[in-house]
Amino acid sequence: MSSGPRAFLEGGPDDMPQRIVEITPPGVELKIPFRGGYEHFKATSRHADTEQGRLTVYEWWERTEIAE
């Protein structure tokens, strides 16, 4: 992972491989590809202390499927 801004993901599928992800550019919503779809996370006002520092918590709010 590079040294860009990161977020801590909360909620969503239990088997997501990463809970700390890079955010480019930082914003209100993240769309993470996972298992043939996208997991959507929204920024919160909360922060989490992680091994990579204090990160904004992004909370899961929906899943969408990738059209084939």
C-alpha atoms as a PDB file:
ATOM      1  CA  MET A   1       0.000   0.000   0.000  1.00  0.00           C
ATOM      2  CA  SER A   2       1.316   3.445  -0.836  1.00  0.00           C
ATOM      3  CA  SER A   3       1.543   6.370   1.538  1.00  0.00           C
ATOM      4  CA  GLY A   4      -1.637   8.128   0.340  1.00  0.00           C
ATOM      5  CA  PRO A   5      -4.681   8.855   2.497  1.00  0.00           C
ATOM      6  CA  ARG A   6      -6.400   5.786   3.932  1.00  0.00           C
ATOM      7  CA  ALA A   7      -9.729   4.810   5.457  1.00  0.00           C
ATOM      8  CA  PHE A   8     -10.866   2.168   7.913  1.00  0.00           C
ATOM      9  CA  LEU A   9     -13.826   0.131   6.597  1.00  0.00           C
ATOM     10  CA  GLU A  10     -16.537  -0.881   9.057  1.00  0.00           C
ATOM     11  CA  GLY A  11     -19.338  -3.317   8.268  1.00  0.00           C
ATOM     12  CA  GLY A  12     -20.008  -5.117   5.008  1.00  0.00           C
ATOM     13  CA  PRO A  13     -18.998  -8.720   4.286  1.00  0.00           C
ATOM     14  CA  ASP A  14     -16.994 -10.414   7.049  1.00  0.00           C
ATOM     15  CA  ASP A  15     -14.595 -11.933   4.531  1.00  0.00           C
ATOM     16  CA  MET A  16     -13.425  -8.741   2.830  1.00  0.00           C
ATOM     17  CA  PRO A  17      -9.634  -9.074   2.494  1.00  0.00           C
ATOM     18  CA  GLN A  18      -8.769  -5.531   3.632  1.00  0.00           C
ATOM     19  CA  ARG A  19     -10.239  -3.203   6.231  1.00  0.00           C
ATOM     20  CA  ILE A  20      -7.715  -0.423   5.631  1.00  0.00           C
ATOM     21  CA  VAL A  21      -7.792   0.926   2.079  1.00  0.00           C
ATOM     22  CA  GLU A  22      -6.283   3.824   0.194  1.00  0.00           C
ATOM     23  CA  ILE A  23      -8.746   6.550  -0.769  1.00  0.00           C
ATOM     24  CA  THR A  24      -8.130   8.471  -3.995  1.00  0.00           C
ATOM     25  CA  PRO A  25      -9.255  11.198  -3.806  1.00  0.00           C
ATOM     26  CA  PRO A  26     -10.573  11.447  -0.255  1.00  0.00           C
ATOM     27  CA  GLY A  27     -14.296  11.986  -0.332  1.00  0.00           C
ATOM     28  CA  VAL A  28     -17.672  11.033   0.970  1.00  0.00           C
ATOM     29  CA  GLU A  29     -18.118   7.576  -0.618  1.00  0.00           C
ATOM     30  CA  LEU A  30     -15.942   4.564  -1.458  1.00  0.00           C
ATOM     31  CA  LYS A  31     -16.856   1.855  -3.949  1.00  0.00           C
ATOM     32  CA  ILE A  32     -14.830  -1.335  -3.350  1.00  0.00           C
ATOM     33  CA  PRO A  33     -14.967  -4.152  -5.957  1.00  0.00           C
ATOM     34  CA  PHE A  34     -15.681  -7.500  -4.253  1.00  0.00           C
ATOM     35  CA  ARG A  35     -17.146 -10.825  -5.421  1.00  0.00           C
ATOM     36  CA  GLY A  36     -18.722  -9.666  -8.675  1.00  0.00           C
ATOM     37  CA  GLY A  37     -20.109  -6.457  -7.235  1.00  0.00           C
ATOM     38  CA  TYR A  38     -19.251  -3.328  -5.311  1.00  0.00           C
ATOM     39  CA  GLU A  39     -19.416  -2.697  -1.585  1.00  0.00           C
ATOM     40  CA  HIS A  40     -20.282   0.944  -0.885  1.00  0.00           C
ATOM     41  CA  PHE A  41     -18.981   2.777   2.174  1.00  0.00           C
ATOM     42  CA  LYS A  42     -19.744   6.325   3.343  1.00  0.00           C
ATOM     43  CA  ALA A  43     -17.454   8.538   5.399  1.00  0.00           C
ATOM     44  CA  THR A  44     -18.441   9.108   9.022  1.00  0.00           C
ATOM     45  CA  SER A  45     -17.296  11.700  11.542  1.00  0.00           C
ATOM     46  CA  ARG A  46     -15.671   8.891  13.567  1.00  0.00           C
ATOM     47  CA  HIS A  47     -12.021   7.831  13.601  1.00  0.00           C
ATOM     48  CA  ALA A  48     -10.239   4.568  14.423  1.00  0.00           C
ATOM     49  CA  ASP A  49      -6.762   4.210  15.889  1.00  0.00           C
ATOM     50  CA  THR A  50      -5.038   1.548  13.761  1.00  0.00           C
ATOM     51  CA  GLU A  51      -1.528   0.213  13.247  1.00  0.00           C
ATOM     52  CA  GLN A  52      -1.362   2.691  10.335  1.00  0.00           C
ATOM     53  CA  GLY A  53      -2.408   5.686  12.422  1.00  0.00           C
ATOM     54  CA  ARG A  54      -5.693   7.470  13.095  1.00  0.00           C
ATOM     55  CA  LEU A  55      -8.029   6.911  10.135  1.00  0.00           C
ATOM     56  CA  THR A  56     -11.495   8.094   9.178  1.00  0.00           C
ATOM     57  CA  VAL A  57     -14.096   5.334   9.558  1.00  0.00           C
ATOM     58  CA  TYR A  58     -16.118   4.580   6.434  1.00  0.00           C
ATOM     59  CA  GLU A  59     -19.311   2.649   7.184  1.00  0.00           C
ATOM     60  CA  TRP A  60     -20.852   0.079   4.817  1.00  0.00           C
ATOM     61  CA  TRP A  61     -24.244   1.092   3.461  1.00  0.00           C
ATOM     62  CA  GLU A  62     -25.030  -1.006   0.358  1.00  0.00           C
ATOM     63  CA  ARG A  63     -23.919  -3.510  -2.254  1.00  0.00           C
ATOM     64  CA  THR A  64     -24.460  -3.270  -6.009  1.00  0.00           C
ATOM     65  CA  GLU A  65     -23.905  -5.964  -8.620  1.00  0.00           C
ATOM     66  CA  ILE A  66     -21.620  -5.526 -11.639  1.00  0.00           C
ATOM     67  CA  ALA A  67     -23.641  -5.806 -14.853  1.00  0.00           C
ATOM     68  CA  GLU A  68     -22.434  -8.566 -17.165  1.00  0.00           C
END
